[in-house]
Amino acid sequence: MNSFEVFEVYKECRSFRNSIFEFTKSLHKEETFRLKDQLIRASRSITANIAEGYGRFHYQENIQFCRQARGSVY
């Protein structure tokens, strides 16, 4: 495999990230710097951790980044 972008989990997480971004557009203005920002950062973290884990040399490091991605989902 040449890229992490071929993984189904990455594709699903990217779709989830886009859904979160669309959802945050509907939040009230007062939530902009609280809930909205936190949701966007967490959803970006999911795909970023999958990508970073893919680039690691050892399998155990990849697993750790996948665990961090799972934490961002929750």
PDB file of N, CA and C in Angstrom:
ATOM      1  N   MET A   1       0.844  -1.176   0.000  1.00  0.00           N
ATOM      2  CA  MET A   1       0.000   0.000   0.000  1.00  0.00           C
ATOM      3  C   MET A   1       0.891   1.241   0.000  1.00  0.00           C
ATOM      4  N   ASN A   2       0.573   2.145  -0.867  1.00  0.00           N
ATOM      5  CA  ASN A   2       1.392   3.339  -1.022  1.00  0.00           C
ATOM      6  C   ASN A   2       0.931   4.523  -0.187  1.00  0.00           C
ATOM      7  N   SER A   3      -0.287   4.475   0.304  1.00  0.00           N
ATOM      8  CA  SER A   3      -0.813   5.629   1.020  1.00  0.00           C
ATOM      9  C   SER A   3      -1.878   5.208   2.034  1.00  0.00           C
ATOM     10  N   PHE A   4      -1.981   5.977   3.078  1.00  0.00           N
ATOM     11  CA  PHE A   4      -3.006   5.751   4.100  1.00  0.00           C
ATOM     12  C   PHE A   4      -4.393   6.095   3.561  1.00  0.00           C
ATOM     13  N   GLU A   5      -4.462   6.844   2.479  1.00  0.00           N
ATOM     14  CA  GLU A   5      -5.740   7.298   1.931  1.00  0.00           C
ATOM     15  C   GLU A   5      -6.569   6.177   1.316  1.00  0.00           C
ATOM     16  N   VAL A   6      -5.988   5.001   1.133  1.00  0.00           N
ATOM     17  CA  VAL A   6      -6.732   3.873   0.577  1.00  0.00           C
ATOM     18  C   VAL A   6      -7.488   3.095   1.653  1.00  0.00           C
ATOM     19  N   PHE A   7      -7.183   3.320   2.912  1.00  0.00           N
ATOM     20  CA  PHE A   7      -7.851   2.614   4.003  1.00  0.00           C
ATOM     21  C   PHE A   7      -9.290   3.092   4.145  1.00  0.00           C
ATOM     22  N   GLU A   8     -10.189   2.140   4.309  1.00  0.00           N
ATOM     23  CA  GLU A   8     -11.605   2.479   4.485  1.00  0.00           C
ATOM     24  C   GLU A   8     -11.827   3.321   5.740  1.00  0.00           C
ATOM     25  N   VAL A   9     -11.097   3.021   6.793  1.00  0.00           N
ATOM     26  CA  VAL A   9     -11.270   3.773   8.034  1.00  0.00           C
ATOM     27  C   VAL A   9     -10.897   5.239   7.828  1.00  0.00           C
ATOM     28  N   TYR A  10      -9.881   5.491   7.046  1.00  0.00           N
ATOM     29  CA  TYR A  10      -9.493   6.880   6.768  1.00  0.00           C
ATOM     30  C   TYR A  10     -10.589   7.585   5.968  1.00  0.00           C
ATOM     31  N   LYS A  11     -11.135   6.884   4.970  1.00  0.00           N
ATOM     32  CA  LYS A  11     -12.206   7.478   4.167  1.00  0.00           C
ATOM     33  C   LYS A  11     -13.431   7.792   5.016  1.00  0.00           C
ATOM     34  N   GLU A  12     -13.777   6.865   5.909  1.00  0.00           N
ATOM     35  CA  GLU A  12     -14.933   7.083   6.785  1.00  0.00           C
ATOM     36  C   GLU A  12     -14.686   8.245   7.746  1.00  0.00           C
ATOM     37  N   CYS A  13     -13.486   8.320   8.266  1.00  0.00           N
ATOM     38  CA  CYS A  13     -13.152   9.411   9.199  1.00  0.00           C
ATOM     39  C   CYS A  13     -13.135  10.758   8.490  1.00  0.00           C
ATOM     40  N   ARG A  14     -12.696  10.765   7.250  1.00  0.00           N
ATOM     41  CA  ARG A  14     -12.713  12.012   6.482  1.00  0.00           C
ATOM     42  C   ARG A  14     -14.145  12.462   6.224  1.00  0.00           C
ATOM     43  N   SER A  15     -15.013  11.509   5.931  1.00  0.00           N
ATOM     44  CA  SER A  15     -16.429  11.824   5.744  1.00  0.00           C
ATOM     45  C   SER A  15     -17.039  12.333   7.054  1.00  0.00           C
ATOM     46  N   PHE A  16     -16.677  11.686   8.152  1.00  0.00           N
ATOM     47  CA  PHE A  16     -17.145  12.118   9.481  1.00  0.00           C
ATOM     48  C   PHE A  16     -16.681  13.535   9.789  1.00  0.00           C
ATOM     49  N   ARG A  17     -15.412  13.829   9.475  1.00  0.00           N
ATOM     50  CA  ARG A  17     -14.859  15.168   9.686  1.00  0.00           C
ATOM     51  C   ARG A  17     -15.657  16.208   8.908  1.00  0.00           C
ATOM     52  N   ASN A  18     -15.995  15.906   7.668  1.00  0.00           N
ATOM     53  CA  ASN A  18     -16.788  16.836   6.859  1.00  0.00           C
ATOM     54  C   ASN A  18     -18.191  17.011   7.429  1.00  0.00           C
ATOM     55  N   SER A  19     -18.768  15.933   7.949  1.00  0.00           N
ATOM     56  CA  SER A  19     -20.094  16.029   8.570  1.00  0.00           C
ATOM     57  C   SER A  19     -20.065  16.898   9.811  1.00  0.00           C
ATOM     58  N   ILE A  20     -19.019  16.753  10.605  1.00  0.00           N
ATOM     59  CA  ILE A  20     -18.875  17.586  11.805  1.00  0.00           C
ATOM     60  C   ILE A  20     -18.743  19.050  11.420  1.00  0.00           C
ATOM     61  N   PHE A  21     -17.950  19.319  10.391  1.00  0.00           N
ATOM     62  CA  PHE A  21     -17.770  20.699   9.946  1.00  0.00           C
ATOM     63  C   PHE A  21     -19.101  21.308   9.513  1.00  0.00           C
ATOM     64  N   GLU A  22     -19.908  20.550   8.774  1.00  0.00           N
ATOM     65  CA  GLU A  22     -21.227  21.038   8.356  1.00  0.00           C
ATOM     66  C   GLU A  22     -22.144  21.244   9.563  1.00  0.00           C
ATOM     67  N   PHE A  23     -22.077  20.327  10.535  1.00  0.00           N
ATOM     68  CA  PHE A  23     -22.894  20.461  11.742  1.00  0.00           C
ATOM     69  C   PHE A  23     -22.545  21.728  12.516  1.00  0.00           C
ATOM     70  N   THR A  24     -21.267  22.032  12.611  1.00  0.00           N
ATOM     71  CA  THR A  24     -20.852  23.197  13.393  1.00  0.00           C
ATOM     72  C   THR A  24     -21.328  24.508  12.790  1.00  0.00           C
ATOM     73  N   LYS A  25     -21.639  24.500  11.508  1.00  0.00           N
ATOM     74  CA  LYS A  25     -22.180  25.718  10.884  1.00  0.00           C
ATOM     75  C   LYS A  25     -23.551  26.071  11.444  1.00  0.00           C
ATOM     76  N   SER A  26     -24.259  25.076  11.980  1.00  0.00           N
ATOM     77  CA  SER A  26     -25.601  25.310  12.495  1.00  0.00           C
ATOM     78  C   SER A  26     -25.615  25.718  13.973  1.00  0.00           C
ATOM     79  N   LEU A  27     -24.473  25.725  14.630  1.00  0.00           N
ATOM     80  CA  LEU A  27     -24.416  26.096  16.036  1.00  0.00           C
ATOM     81  C   LEU A  27     -24.592  27.599  16.220  1.00  0.00           C
ATOM     82  N   HIS A  28     -25.069  27.982  17.389  1.00  0.00           N
ATOM     83  CA  HIS A  28     -25.252  29.390  17.703  1.00  0.00           C
ATOM     84  C   HIS A  28     -23.912  30.103  17.786  1.00  0.00           C
ATOM     85  N   LYS A  29     -23.950  31.404  17.608  1.00  0.00           N
ATOM     86  CA  LYS A  29     -22.727  32.212  17.626  1.00  0.00           C
ATOM     87  C   LYS A  29     -21.947  32.067  18.922  1.00  0.00           C
ATOM     88  N   GLU A  30     -22.638  31.987  20.049  1.00  0.00           N
ATOM     89  CA  GLU A  30     -21.938  31.911  21.342  1.00  0.00           C
ATOM     90  C   GLU A  30     -21.179  30.602  21.529  1.00  0.00           C
ATOM     91  N   GLU A  31     -21.487  29.593  20.703  1.00  0.00           N
ATOM     92  CA  GLU A  31     -20.781  28.317  20.779  1.00  0.00           C
ATOM     93  C   GLU A  31     -19.535  28.279  19.893  1.00  0.00           C
ATOM     94  N   THR A  32     -19.298  29.343  19.137  1.00  0.00           N
ATOM     95  CA  THR A  32     -18.206  29.358  18.171  1.00  0.00           C
ATOM     96  C   THR A  32     -16.859  29.049  18.802  1.00  0.00           C
ATOM     97  N   PHE A  33     -16.559  29.637  19.933  1.00  0.00           N
ATOM     98  CA  PHE A  33     -15.237  29.473  20.521  1.00  0.00           C
ATOM     99  C   PHE A  33     -15.189  28.399  21.592  1.00  0.00           C
ATOM    100  N   ARG A  34     -16.263  27.704  21.794  1.00  0.00           N
ATOM    101  CA  ARG A  34     -16.282  26.618  22.771  1.00  0.00           C
ATOM    102  C   ARG A  34     -16.473  25.280  22.081  1.00  0.00           C
ATOM    103  N   LEU A  35     -17.706  24.913  21.891  1.00  0.00           N
ATOM    104  CA  LEU A  35     -18.037  23.602  21.337  1.00  0.00           C
ATOM    105  C   LEU A  35     -17.589  23.460  19.885  1.00  0.00           C
ATOM    106  N   LYS A  36     -17.833  24.479  19.066  1.00  0.00           N
ATOM    107  CA  LYS A  36     -17.494  24.412  17.653  1.00  0.00           C
ATOM    108  C   LYS A  36     -16.004  24.169  17.448  1.00  0.00           C
ATOM    109  N   ASP A  37     -15.192  24.947  18.116  1.00  0.00           N
ATOM    110  CA  ASP A  37     -13.745  24.809  17.975  1.00  0.00           C
ATOM    111  C   ASP A  37     -13.263  23.438  18.436  1.00  0.00           C
ATOM    112  N   GLN A  38     -13.796  22.968  19.537  1.00  0.00           N
ATOM    113  CA  GLN A  38     -13.387  21.665  20.059  1.00  0.00           C
ATOM    114  C   GLN A  38     -13.791  20.537  19.111  1.00  0.00           C
ATOM    115  N   LEU A  39     -14.983  20.594  18.557  1.00  0.00           N
ATOM    116  CA  LEU A  39     -15.433  19.566  17.620  1.00  0.00           C
ATOM    117  C   LEU A  39     -14.580  19.536  16.354  1.00  0.00           C
ATOM    118  N   ILE A  40     -14.271  20.699  15.827  1.00  0.00           N
ATOM    119  CA  ILE A  40     -13.463  20.763  14.604  1.00  0.00           C
ATOM    120  C   ILE A  40     -12.058  20.245  14.856  1.00  0.00           C
ATOM    121  N   ARG A  41     -11.449  20.637  15.965  1.00  0.00           N
ATOM    122  CA  ARG A  41     -10.089  20.176  16.264  1.00  0.00           C
ATOM    123  C   ARG A  41     -10.046  18.668  16.488  1.00  0.00           C
ATOM    124  N   ALA A  42     -11.043  18.127  17.183  1.00  0.00           N
ATOM    125  CA  ALA A  42     -11.077  16.679  17.429  1.00  0.00           C
ATOM    126  C   ALA A  42     -11.280  15.900  16.129  1.00  0.00           C
ATOM    127  N   SER A  43     -12.149  16.401  15.248  1.00  0.00           N
ATOM    128  CA  SER A  43     -12.395  15.690  13.989  1.00  0.00           C
ATOM    129  C   SER A  43     -11.171  15.742  13.077  1.00  0.00           C
ATOM    130  N   ARG A  44     -10.427  16.820  13.105  1.00  0.00           N
ATOM    131  CA  ARG A  44      -9.183  16.892  12.330  1.00  0.00           C
ATOM    132  C   ARG A  44      -8.121  15.959  12.910  1.00  0.00           C
ATOM    133  N   SER A  45      -8.138  15.810  14.202  1.00  0.00           N
ATOM    134  CA  SER A  45      -7.156  14.971  14.874  1.00  0.00           C
ATOM    135  C   SER A  45      -7.298  13.503  14.470  1.00  0.00           C
ATOM    136  N   ILE A  46      -8.513  13.076  14.191  1.00  0.00           N
ATOM    137  CA  ILE A  46      -8.749  11.678  13.820  1.00  0.00           C
ATOM    138  C   ILE A  46      -7.942  11.317  12.580  1.00  0.00           C
ATOM    139  N   THR A  47      -8.165  12.058  11.507  1.00  0.00           N
ATOM    140  CA  THR A  47      -7.471  11.755  10.253  1.00  0.00           C
ATOM    141  C   THR A  47      -5.977  12.039  10.346  1.00  0.00           C
ATOM    142  N   ALA A  48      -5.610  13.055  11.103  1.00  0.00           N
ATOM    143  CA  ALA A  48      -4.185  13.375  11.255  1.00  0.00           C
ATOM    144  C   ALA A  48      -3.445  12.248  11.974  1.00  0.00           C
ATOM    145  N   ASN A  49      -4.056  11.668  12.987  1.00  0.00           N
ATOM    146  CA  ASN A  49      -3.415  10.567  13.711  1.00  0.00           C
ATOM    147  C   ASN A  49      -3.294   9.306  12.851  1.00  0.00           C
ATOM    148  N   ILE A  50      -4.293   9.034  12.045  1.00  0.00           N
ATOM    149  CA  ILE A  50      -4.207   7.883  11.149  1.00  0.00           C
ATOM    150  C   ILE A  50      -3.062   8.082  10.160  1.00  0.00           C
ATOM    151  N   ALA A  51      -2.969   9.278   9.601  1.00  0.00           N
ATOM    152  CA  ALA A  51      -1.901   9.571   8.639  1.00  0.00           C
ATOM    153  C   ALA A  51      -0.531   9.497   9.297  1.00  0.00           C
ATOM    154  N   GLU A  52      -0.398  10.060  10.479  1.00  0.00           N
ATOM    155  CA  GLU A  52       0.898  10.051  11.147  1.00  0.00           C
ATOM    156  C   GLU A  52       1.302   8.637  11.560  1.00  0.00           C
ATOM    157  N   GLY A  53       0.357   7.859  12.029  1.00  0.00           N
ATOM    158  CA  GLY A  53       0.653   6.485  12.400  1.00  0.00           C
ATOM    159  C   GLY A  53       1.108   5.660  11.214  1.00  0.00           C
ATOM    160  N   TYR A  54       0.527   5.923  10.059  1.00  0.00           N
ATOM    161  CA  TYR A  54       0.915   5.202   8.850  1.00  0.00           C
ATOM    162  C   TYR A  54       2.384   5.473   8.505  1.00  0.00           C
ATOM    163  N   GLY A  55       2.847   6.664   8.794  1.00  0.00           N
ATOM    164  CA  GLY A  55       4.215   7.035   8.470  1.00  0.00           C
ATOM    165  C   GLY A  55       5.253   6.561   9.466  1.00  0.00           C
ATOM    166  N   ARG A  56       4.841   5.939  10.535  1.00  0.00           N
ATOM    167  CA  ARG A  56       5.782   5.452  11.553  1.00  0.00           C
ATOM    168  C   ARG A  56       6.432   4.147  11.126  1.00  0.00           C
ATOM    169  N   PHE A  57       7.607   3.926  11.620  1.00  0.00           N
ATOM    170  CA  PHE A  57       8.402   2.766  11.223  1.00  0.00           C
ATOM    171  C   PHE A  57       7.910   1.475  11.873  1.00  0.00           C
ATOM    172  N   HIS A  58       7.585   1.539  13.148  1.00  0.00           N
ATOM    173  CA  HIS A  58       7.207   0.335  13.888  1.00  0.00           C
ATOM    174  C   HIS A  58       5.692   0.182  13.969  1.00  0.00           C
ATOM    175  N   TYR A  59       5.263  -1.051  13.908  1.00  0.00           N
ATOM    176  CA  TYR A  59       3.849  -1.389  13.974  1.00  0.00           C
ATOM    177  C   TYR A  59       3.211  -0.887  15.267  1.00  0.00           C
ATOM    178  N   GLN A  60       3.924  -1.025  16.381  1.00  0.00           N
ATOM    179  CA  GLN A  60       3.383  -0.595  17.681  1.00  0.00           C
ATOM    180  C   GLN A  60       3.132   0.907  17.716  1.00  0.00           C
ATOM    181  N   GLU A  61       3.974   1.674  17.047  1.00  0.00           N
ATOM    182  CA  GLU A  61       3.745   3.125  16.983  1.00  0.00           C
ATOM    183  C   GLU A  61       2.472   3.427  16.203  1.00  0.00           C
ATOM    184  N   ASN A  62       2.260   2.697  15.117  1.00  0.00           N
ATOM    185  CA  ASN A  62       1.049   2.875  14.327  1.00  0.00           C
ATOM    186  C   ASN A  62      -0.179   2.585  15.184  1.00  0.00           C
ATOM    187  N   ILE A  63      -0.128   1.524  15.955  1.00  0.00           N
ATOM    188  CA  ILE A  63      -1.243   1.173  16.838  1.00  0.00           C
ATOM    189  C   ILE A  63      -1.525   2.299  17.826  1.00  0.00           C
ATOM    190  N   GLN A  64      -0.489   2.888  18.390  1.00  0.00           N
ATOM    191  CA  GLN A  64      -0.671   3.964  19.358  1.00  0.00           C
ATOM    192  C   GLN A  64      -1.378   5.162  18.718  1.00  0.00           C
ATOM    193  N   PHE A  65      -1.007   5.509  17.505  1.00  0.00           N
ATOM    194  CA  PHE A  65      -1.666   6.628  16.835  1.00  0.00           C
ATOM    195  C   PHE A  65      -3.117   6.294  16.501  1.00  0.00           C
ATOM    196  N   CYS A  66      -3.389   5.037  16.178  1.00  0.00           N
ATOM    197  CA  CYS A  66      -4.779   4.629  15.939  1.00  0.00           C
ATOM    198  C   CYS A  66      -5.600   4.713  17.219  1.00  0.00           C
ATOM    199  N   ARG A  67      -4.985   4.410  18.340  1.00  0.00           N
ATOM    200  CA  ARG A  67      -5.678   4.560  19.630  1.00  0.00           C
ATOM    201  C   ARG A  67      -5.979   6.024  19.918  1.00  0.00           C
ATOM    202  N   GLN A  68      -5.056   6.891  19.603  1.00  0.00           N
ATOM    203  CA  GLN A  68      -5.292   8.324  19.793  1.00  0.00           C
ATOM    204  C   GLN A  68      -6.410   8.806  18.879  1.00  0.00           C
ATOM    205  N   ALA A  69      -6.456   8.296  17.658  1.00  0.00           N
ATOM    206  CA  ALA A  69      -7.537   8.645  16.734  1.00  0.00           C
ATOM    207  C   ALA A  69      -8.887   8.196  17.298  1.00  0.00           C
ATOM    208  N   ARG A  70      -8.910   6.979  17.850  1.00  0.00           N
ATOM    209  CA  ARG A  70     -10.139   6.475  18.465  1.00  0.00           C
ATOM    210  C   ARG A  70     -10.581   7.373  19.610  1.00  0.00           C
ATOM    211  N   GLY A  71      -9.632   7.841  20.405  1.00  0.00           N
ATOM    212  CA  GLY A  71      -9.957   8.764  21.485  1.00  0.00           C
ATOM    213  C   GLY A  71     -10.562  10.058  20.984  1.00  0.00           C
ATOM    214  N   SER A  72     -10.087  10.550  19.861  1.00  0.00           N
ATOM    215  CA  SER A  72     -10.636  11.776  19.284  1.00  0.00           C
ATOM    216  C   SER A  72     -12.060  11.562  18.788  1.00  0.00           C
ATOM    217  N   VAL A  73     -12.354  10.358  18.325  1.00  0.00           N
ATOM    218  CA  VAL A  73     -13.727  10.063  17.892  1.00  0.00           C
ATOM    219  C   VAL A  73     -14.670  10.149  19.088  1.00  0.00           C
ATOM    220  N   TYR A  74     -14.245   9.601  20.209  1.00  0.00           N
ATOM    221  CA  TYR A  74     -15.115   9.631  21.393  1.00  0.00           C
ATOM    222  C   TYR A  74     -15.170  11.003  21.996  1.00  0.00           C
TER     223      TYR A  74
END
